[in-house]
Amino acid sequence: MRIVDTARLYNTVTVLTLSGAVVVYYVCLLGLFILAVSIIVPSSLLEARLGHPIGLSNYIVRGPGQVQIIGQKCLMDPDKSRGA
């Protein structure tokens, strides 16, 4: 192989390795965050705020405009931020 081909191969492998490491890091960080929230935040509090029984998906997925901050004005819901 030529030197240029070897350098291109090394650069490609480096980018792929770093990209994979970043993805794995964020997946681990999400897992640790969900674990910490499930330990610290009582499920009854989340259930009371949402108004229905909760599951794992409620800790992970919230649709756009549905972010609620307890004790503060909700800035993500356009209706609530206008005072409607």
Protein backbone atom coordinates (compact mmCIF):
# COMPACT_ATOMS: atom_id res chain seq x y z
CA MET A 1 0.00 0.00 0.00
CA ARG A 2 1.06 3.53 -0.65
CA ILE A 3 1.71 5.94 2.18
CA VAL A 4 -1.35 8.01 1.24
CA ASP A 5 -3.61 4.94 1.36
CA THR A 6 -2.19 3.91 4.71
CA ALA A 7 -2.73 7.41 6.16
CA ARG A 8 -6.30 7.47 4.82
CA LEU A 9 -6.96 4.06 6.38
CA TYR A 10 -5.57 5.12 9.76
CA ASN A 11 -7.57 8.36 9.71
CA THR A 12 -10.78 6.51 8.84
CA VAL A 13 -10.27 3.96 11.58
CA THR A 14 -9.51 6.73 14.08
CA VAL A 15 -12.71 8.62 13.21
CA LEU A 16 -14.79 5.44 13.43
CA THR A 17 -13.23 4.48 16.77
CA LEU A 18 -13.82 7.90 18.30
CA SER A 19 -17.38 8.06 16.95
CA GLY A 20 -18.13 4.65 18.43
CA ALA A 21 -16.62 5.65 21.75
CA VAL A 22 -18.77 8.81 21.90
CA VAL A 23 -21.94 6.82 21.16
CA VAL A 24 -21.08 4.24 23.85
CA TYR A 25 -20.29 7.05 26.31
CA TYR A 26 -23.66 8.74 25.79
CA VAL A 27 -25.56 5.45 26.05
CA CYS A 28 -23.79 4.72 29.36
CA LEU A 29 -24.47 8.26 30.55
CA LEU A 30 -28.17 7.90 29.70
CA GLY A 31 -28.29 4.59 31.57
CA LEU A 32 -26.64 6.09 34.64
CA PHE A 33 -28.99 9.09 34.51
CA ILE A 34 -32.07 6.86 34.33
CA LEU A 35 -30.73 4.76 37.21
CA ALA A 36 -30.07 7.86 39.32
CA VAL A 37 -33.51 9.34 38.59
CA SER A 38 -35.26 6.07 39.37
CA ILE A 39 -33.46 5.92 42.73
CA ILE A 40 -33.76 9.61 43.71
CA VAL A 41 -37.18 10.64 42.33
CA PRO A 42 -40.07 8.73 43.91
CA SER A 43 -42.25 7.09 41.29
CA SER A 44 -45.35 8.40 43.06
CA LEU A 45 -44.22 11.98 42.35
CA LEU A 46 -43.82 11.33 38.64
CA GLU A 47 -47.09 9.41 38.56
CA ALA A 48 -48.90 12.33 40.24
CA ARG A 49 -47.43 14.84 37.77
CA LEU A 50 -48.28 12.76 34.69
CA GLY A 51 -51.65 11.58 35.92
CA HIS A 52 -51.25 7.94 34.91
CA PRO A 53 -49.21 4.89 35.94
CA ILE A 54 -45.59 5.21 34.87
CA GLY A 55 -43.15 2.88 33.21
CA LEU A 56 -39.55 3.04 32.02
CA SER A 57 -40.56 4.92 28.87
CA ASN A 58 -41.84 7.83 30.99
CA TYR A 59 -38.34 8.37 32.35
CA ILE A 60 -36.87 8.40 28.84
CA VAL A 61 -39.35 9.91 26.37
CA ARG A 62 -41.12 13.23 26.69
CA GLY A 63 -42.61 14.81 23.59
CA PRO A 64 -41.80 18.35 22.49
CA GLY A 65 -43.74 20.93 24.42
CA GLN A 66 -44.38 18.58 27.33
CA VAL A 67 -41.44 19.49 29.55
CA GLN A 68 -42.65 20.36 33.03
CA ILE A 69 -40.44 21.77 35.73
CA ILE A 70 -41.90 21.37 39.21
CA GLY A 71 -42.19 24.72 41.00
CA GLN A 72 -41.18 26.80 37.99
CA LYS A 73 -42.88 28.26 34.96
CA CYS A 74 -42.95 25.79 32.07
CA LEU A 75 -41.00 27.36 29.22
CA MET A 76 -41.39 24.56 26.68
CA ASP A 77 -45.19 24.52 26.40
CA PRO A 78 -46.27 27.57 24.36
CA ASP A 79 -49.75 27.66 25.93
CA LYS A 80 -48.42 27.60 29.49
CA SER A 81 -45.62 30.10 28.80
CA ARG A 82 -48.20 32.65 27.58
CA GLY A 83 -50.29 32.16 30.71
CA ALA A 84 -53.19 30.54 28.84
